[in-house]
N, C-alpha and C. Protein backbone atom coordinates (compact mmCIF):
# COMPACT_ATOMS: atom_id res chain seq x y z
N MET A 1 113.56 144.59 124.79
CA MET A 1 114.68 144.25 123.96
C MET A 1 115.74 145.36 124.06
N LYS A 2 116.98 144.96 123.99
CA LYS A 2 118.04 145.96 123.96
C LYS A 2 118.18 146.54 122.58
N LYS A 3 118.90 147.67 122.53
CA LYS A 3 119.10 148.35 121.27
C LYS A 3 119.85 147.43 120.29
N GLY A 4 119.27 147.24 119.12
CA GLY A 4 119.91 146.45 118.05
C GLY A 4 119.47 145.01 118.01
N GLU A 5 118.82 144.52 119.05
CA GLU A 5 118.37 143.13 119.10
C GLU A 5 117.25 142.87 118.06
N ALA A 6 116.41 143.85 117.87
CA ALA A 6 115.30 143.66 116.93
C ALA A 6 115.84 143.52 115.52
N LYS A 7 116.85 144.31 115.19
CA LYS A 7 117.47 144.25 113.87
C LYS A 7 118.11 142.89 113.65
N ILE A 8 118.81 142.41 114.71
CA ILE A 8 119.45 141.08 114.56
C ILE A 8 118.38 139.99 114.42
N GLU A 9 117.33 140.11 115.17
CA GLU A 9 116.23 139.13 115.10
C GLU A 9 115.59 139.13 113.74
N PHE A 10 115.34 140.34 113.16
CA PHE A 10 114.72 140.46 111.86
C PHE A 10 115.60 139.79 110.79
N PHE A 11 116.89 140.20 110.79
CA PHE A 11 117.77 139.71 109.70
C PHE A 11 118.17 138.25 109.91
N SER A 12 118.04 137.68 111.11
CA SER A 12 118.28 136.30 111.31
C SER A 12 117.16 135.43 110.69
N ASN A 13 115.98 136.00 110.62
CA ASN A 13 114.83 135.31 110.05
C ASN A 13 114.52 135.83 108.63
N LEU A 14 115.46 136.46 108.00
CA LEU A 14 115.23 137.09 106.68
C LEU A 14 114.84 136.11 105.61
N GLU A 15 115.50 134.94 105.60
CA GLU A 15 115.17 133.92 104.56
C GLU A 15 113.73 133.46 104.69
N TYR A 16 113.27 133.23 105.91
CA TYR A 16 111.89 132.83 106.14
C TYR A 16 110.96 133.94 105.69
N LEU A 17 111.24 135.19 106.03
CA LEU A 17 110.42 136.31 105.65
C LEU A 17 110.40 136.51 104.16
N LYS A 18 111.53 136.32 103.49
CA LYS A 18 111.56 136.46 102.02
C LYS A 18 110.68 135.43 101.36
N LYS A 19 110.77 134.18 101.88
CA LYS A 19 109.98 133.08 101.31
C LYS A 19 108.48 133.41 101.46
N GLU A 20 108.08 133.85 102.63
CA GLU A 20 106.65 134.19 102.87
C GLU A 20 106.22 135.38 101.99
N PHE A 21 107.12 136.37 101.89
CA PHE A 21 106.78 137.54 101.06
C PHE A 21 106.57 137.17 99.62
N GLU A 22 107.44 136.35 99.08
CA GLU A 22 107.36 135.93 97.69
C GLU A 22 106.17 135.00 97.42
N SER A 23 105.74 134.30 98.49
CA SER A 23 104.59 133.39 98.34
C SER A 23 103.25 134.14 98.37
N GLY A 24 103.29 135.45 98.71
CA GLY A 24 102.05 136.21 98.65
C GLY A 24 101.75 137.02 99.87
N LEU A 25 102.45 136.89 100.97
CA LEU A 25 102.19 137.70 102.17
C LEU A 25 102.91 139.05 102.05
N VAL A 26 102.31 139.98 101.36
CA VAL A 26 102.96 141.26 101.13
C VAL A 26 102.50 142.31 102.14
N VAL A 27 101.49 142.05 102.94
CA VAL A 27 101.04 142.96 103.98
C VAL A 27 101.87 142.70 105.22
N SER A 28 102.47 143.73 105.77
CA SER A 28 103.43 143.54 106.86
C SER A 28 102.74 143.03 108.13
N LYS A 29 101.51 143.45 108.37
CA LYS A 29 100.80 143.00 109.60
C LYS A 29 100.58 141.53 109.61
N PHE A 30 100.15 140.96 108.45
CA PHE A 30 99.91 139.52 108.37
C PHE A 30 101.21 138.78 108.48
N LEU A 31 102.24 139.26 107.82
CA LEU A 31 103.56 138.60 107.87
C LEU A 31 104.11 138.63 109.29
N TYR A 32 103.91 139.76 110.02
CA TYR A 32 104.37 139.88 111.38
C TYR A 32 103.68 138.85 112.27
N ASN A 33 102.33 138.76 112.14
CA ASN A 33 101.59 137.83 112.96
C ASN A 33 102.01 136.40 112.72
N LYS A 34 102.23 136.03 111.45
CA LYS A 34 102.63 134.70 111.10
C LYS A 34 104.03 134.38 111.64
N ALA A 35 104.93 135.34 111.49
CA ALA A 35 106.30 135.17 111.93
C ALA A 35 106.33 135.12 113.49
N LYS A 36 105.52 135.90 114.12
CA LYS A 36 105.49 135.94 115.56
C LYS A 36 105.02 134.56 116.12
N THR A 37 104.05 133.94 115.46
CA THR A 37 103.60 132.66 115.93
C THR A 37 104.58 131.51 115.55
N ASN A 38 105.12 131.56 114.36
CA ASN A 38 105.99 130.48 113.89
C ASN A 38 107.41 130.60 114.37
N LYS A 39 107.97 131.79 114.39
CA LYS A 39 109.35 132.02 114.71
C LYS A 39 109.58 132.65 116.09
N ASN A 40 108.49 132.88 116.84
CA ASN A 40 108.57 133.46 118.18
C ASN A 40 109.34 134.80 118.22
N LEU A 41 108.92 135.71 117.38
CA LEU A 41 109.56 137.03 117.37
C LEU A 41 109.23 137.77 118.64
N LYS A 42 110.20 138.48 119.19
CA LYS A 42 110.01 139.24 120.44
C LYS A 42 109.92 140.75 120.14
N MET A 43 110.18 141.16 118.92
CA MET A 43 110.14 142.57 118.58
C MET A 43 108.71 143.07 118.44
N SER A 44 108.55 144.39 118.55
CA SER A 44 107.22 144.96 118.39
C SER A 44 106.91 145.06 116.90
N TYR A 45 105.63 145.33 116.65
CA TYR A 45 105.19 145.48 115.24
C TYR A 45 105.82 146.72 114.61
N LYS A 46 105.99 147.79 115.42
CA LYS A 46 106.58 149.01 114.89
C LYS A 46 108.02 148.79 114.43
N GLN A 47 108.77 148.03 115.21
CA GLN A 47 110.17 147.72 114.79
C GLN A 47 110.16 146.81 113.57
N PHE A 48 109.28 145.83 113.57
CA PHE A 48 109.21 144.87 112.46
C PHE A 48 108.84 145.62 111.17
N ASN A 49 107.88 146.52 111.26
CA ASN A 49 107.40 147.25 110.08
C ASN A 49 108.50 148.18 109.54
N LYS A 50 109.31 148.75 110.41
CA LYS A 50 110.40 149.58 109.96
C LYS A 50 111.37 148.80 109.10
N TYR A 51 111.83 147.63 109.56
CA TYR A 51 112.76 146.82 108.82
C TYR A 51 112.11 146.22 107.57
N PHE A 52 110.82 145.87 107.71
CA PHE A 52 110.10 145.26 106.58
C PHE A 52 110.02 146.28 105.43
N ASN A 53 109.70 147.51 105.72
CA ASN A 53 109.59 148.55 104.67
C ASN A 53 110.96 148.82 104.06
N GLU A 54 111.99 148.84 104.87
CA GLU A 54 113.34 149.14 104.32
C GLU A 54 113.82 148.01 103.39
N THR A 55 113.54 146.75 103.78
CA THR A 55 114.09 145.64 102.99
C THR A 55 113.19 145.22 101.84
N PHE A 56 111.91 145.09 102.07
CA PHE A 56 111.05 144.52 101.07
C PHE A 56 110.36 145.58 100.22
N LYS A 57 109.63 146.50 100.85
CA LYS A 57 108.81 147.41 100.10
C LYS A 57 109.60 148.35 99.21
N ASP A 58 110.66 148.97 99.72
CA ASP A 58 111.45 149.90 98.92
C ASP A 58 112.09 149.24 97.71
N THR A 59 112.76 148.11 97.91
CA THR A 59 113.39 147.44 96.80
C THR A 59 112.41 146.86 95.84
N HIS A 60 111.27 146.36 96.34
CA HIS A 60 110.22 145.80 95.49
C HIS A 60 109.63 146.89 94.59
N ASN A 61 109.33 148.09 95.18
CA ASN A 61 108.73 149.19 94.42
C ASN A 61 109.77 149.76 93.46
N GLN A 62 111.02 149.86 93.83
CA GLN A 62 112.04 150.41 93.00
C GLN A 62 112.23 149.57 91.74
N SER A 63 112.17 148.25 91.90
CA SER A 63 112.35 147.38 90.73
C SER A 63 111.13 147.53 89.81
N LYS A 64 109.94 147.65 90.36
CA LYS A 64 108.75 147.84 89.52
C LYS A 64 108.79 149.18 88.78
N ILE A 65 109.24 150.22 89.48
CA ILE A 65 109.30 151.56 88.86
C ILE A 65 110.35 151.53 87.73
N ALA A 66 111.46 150.88 88.00
CA ALA A 66 112.54 150.83 86.96
C ALA A 66 112.03 150.08 85.70
N LEU A 67 111.31 149.00 85.93
CA LEU A 67 110.78 148.27 84.75
C LEU A 67 109.77 149.12 84.01
N LYS A 68 108.90 149.82 84.75
CA LYS A 68 107.89 150.66 84.13
C LYS A 68 108.53 151.75 83.29
N SER A 69 109.54 152.42 83.93
CA SER A 69 110.16 153.56 83.20
C SER A 69 110.93 153.03 81.95
N LYS A 70 111.52 151.85 82.04
CA LYS A 70 112.23 151.27 80.92
C LYS A 70 111.23 150.97 79.79
N ASN A 71 110.06 150.40 80.13
CA ASN A 71 109.04 150.08 79.13
C ASN A 71 108.49 151.38 78.52
N ASN A 72 108.28 152.40 79.34
CA ASN A 72 107.75 153.68 78.79
C ASN A 72 108.78 154.30 77.88
N LEU A 73 110.07 154.22 78.22
CA LEU A 73 111.10 154.79 77.37
C LEU A 73 111.16 154.07 76.05
N ASN A 74 111.07 152.74 76.08
CA ASN A 74 111.10 151.97 74.80
C ASN A 74 109.91 152.30 73.93
N GLU A 75 108.72 152.42 74.54
CA GLU A 75 107.53 152.78 73.79
C GLU A 75 107.67 154.15 73.13
N TYR A 76 108.17 155.11 73.91
CA TYR A 76 108.33 156.46 73.42
C TYR A 76 109.36 156.49 72.27
N GLN A 77 110.46 155.79 72.45
CA GLN A 77 111.46 155.76 71.38
C GLN A 77 110.95 155.11 70.12
N SER A 78 110.19 154.05 70.27
CA SER A 78 109.66 153.35 69.07
C SER A 78 108.57 154.20 68.38
N SER A 79 107.80 154.98 69.15
CA SER A 79 106.76 155.76 68.56
C SER A 79 107.26 157.02 67.90
N THR A 80 108.40 157.56 68.38
CA THR A 80 108.93 158.81 67.80
C THR A 80 110.15 158.56 66.88
N LYS A 81 110.44 157.32 66.63
CA LYS A 81 111.62 157.01 65.80
C LYS A 81 111.50 157.56 64.37
N ASP A 82 110.36 157.29 63.78
CA ASP A 82 110.18 157.67 62.38
C ASP A 82 109.38 158.97 62.16
N LYS A 83 108.84 159.51 63.24
CA LYS A 83 108.01 160.70 63.10
C LYS A 83 108.87 161.95 63.34
N LYS A 84 108.59 162.96 62.57
CA LYS A 84 109.24 164.25 62.78
C LYS A 84 108.25 165.14 63.55
N ILE A 85 108.69 165.61 64.68
CA ILE A 85 107.81 166.40 65.54
C ILE A 85 107.77 167.82 65.06
N LYS A 86 106.55 168.35 64.83
CA LYS A 86 106.38 169.70 64.41
C LYS A 86 106.11 170.57 65.64
N ASN A 87 106.53 171.82 65.56
CA ASN A 87 106.37 172.74 66.66
C ASN A 87 106.98 172.27 67.96
N GLU A 88 108.13 171.67 67.83
CA GLU A 88 108.81 171.24 69.06
C GLU A 88 109.34 172.40 69.83
N PRO A 89 109.51 172.27 71.12
CA PRO A 89 110.02 173.40 71.90
C PRO A 89 111.48 173.69 71.59
N LEU A 90 111.90 174.90 71.93
CA LEU A 90 113.30 175.25 71.69
C LEU A 90 114.22 174.47 72.56
N LYS A 91 115.33 174.09 72.05
CA LYS A 91 116.34 173.36 72.84
C LYS A 91 117.34 174.40 73.35
N LEU A 92 117.68 174.25 74.58
CA LEU A 92 118.60 175.21 75.20
C LEU A 92 120.00 174.65 75.16
N LYS A 93 120.90 175.45 74.66
CA LYS A 93 122.31 175.05 74.57
C LYS A 93 123.08 175.93 75.52
N ILE A 94 123.63 175.34 76.58
CA ILE A 94 124.34 176.11 77.57
C ILE A 94 125.85 175.87 77.44
N GLN A 95 126.57 176.96 77.29
CA GLN A 95 128.01 176.88 77.27
C GLN A 95 128.51 177.92 78.26
N THR A 96 129.32 177.47 79.19
CA THR A 96 129.75 178.38 80.25
C THR A 96 130.93 179.25 79.80
N ASN A 97 131.60 178.86 78.75
CA ASN A 97 132.81 179.60 78.38
C ASN A 97 132.52 180.60 77.25
N SER A 98 131.35 180.71 76.76
CA SER A 98 131.09 181.66 75.67
C SER A 98 130.09 182.74 76.14
N LYS A 99 130.03 183.83 75.41
CA LYS A 99 129.09 184.90 75.75
C LYS A 99 127.67 184.58 75.25
N ASN A 100 127.58 183.75 74.22
CA ASN A 100 126.32 183.41 73.64
C ASN A 100 125.77 182.18 74.38
N VAL A 101 125.03 182.39 75.47
CA VAL A 101 124.51 181.31 76.26
C VAL A 101 123.30 180.63 75.66
N PHE A 102 122.37 181.44 75.19
CA PHE A 102 121.10 180.93 74.65
C PHE A 102 121.07 181.18 73.12
N ASN A 103 120.89 180.12 72.37
CA ASN A 103 120.78 180.25 70.91
C ASN A 103 119.44 179.71 70.48
N ALA A 104 118.56 180.61 70.07
CA ALA A 104 117.18 180.24 69.72
C ALA A 104 117.14 179.33 68.48
N LYS A 105 118.15 179.37 67.68
CA LYS A 105 118.15 178.59 66.46
C LYS A 105 118.66 177.16 66.65
N PHE A 106 119.21 176.89 67.84
CA PHE A 106 119.80 175.58 68.08
C PHE A 106 118.71 174.45 68.07
N GLY A 107 118.97 173.44 67.24
CA GLY A 107 118.06 172.35 67.14
C GLY A 107 116.83 172.56 66.31
N LYS A 108 116.72 173.68 65.64
CA LYS A 108 115.55 173.98 64.82
C LYS A 108 115.95 174.12 63.37
N GLU A 109 115.06 173.78 62.50
CA GLU A 109 115.28 173.98 61.08
C GLU A 109 114.19 174.98 60.58
N PHE A 110 114.60 176.24 60.29
CA PHE A 110 113.64 177.17 59.72
C PHE A 110 114.42 178.15 58.87
N LYS A 111 113.63 178.83 58.05
CA LYS A 111 114.25 179.77 57.07
C LYS A 111 114.48 181.12 57.75
N GLU A 112 115.46 181.82 57.25
CA GLU A 112 115.78 183.14 57.80
C GLU A 112 114.65 184.13 57.50
N SER A 113 113.86 183.87 56.46
CA SER A 113 112.78 184.77 56.12
C SER A 113 111.58 184.65 57.08
N ASP A 114 111.54 183.55 57.85
CA ASP A 114 110.48 183.37 58.85
C ASP A 114 110.66 184.25 60.10
N ILE A 115 111.87 184.72 60.31
CA ILE A 115 112.15 185.53 61.49
C ILE A 115 111.68 186.93 61.23
N LEU A 116 110.93 187.49 62.20
CA LEU A 116 110.36 188.80 62.10
C LEU A 116 111.41 189.87 62.41
């Protein structure tokens, strides 16, 4: 195959590949073998796997990760909404225009008598 023909061949059969991927063929080797017999693909498995991972695996995993992180964030926010955290770490307040870059009292509520 000439340079770029494999990419054209892959993306010309993209609808068929999407349909098979969504129906349950998520392993690239099985999908490649089925597409090679049904659609007469001429590209090698290495080329197919490269485009398969770029189009299906990365976007599929990114959407799962995004949903997971959104769910974790919602759970964390709901669990810490009404609770006051004791012994929380110091919050760092950075200001580039002032001489006082770190303020240990920022974000904390404590009495002046507690300071040694």
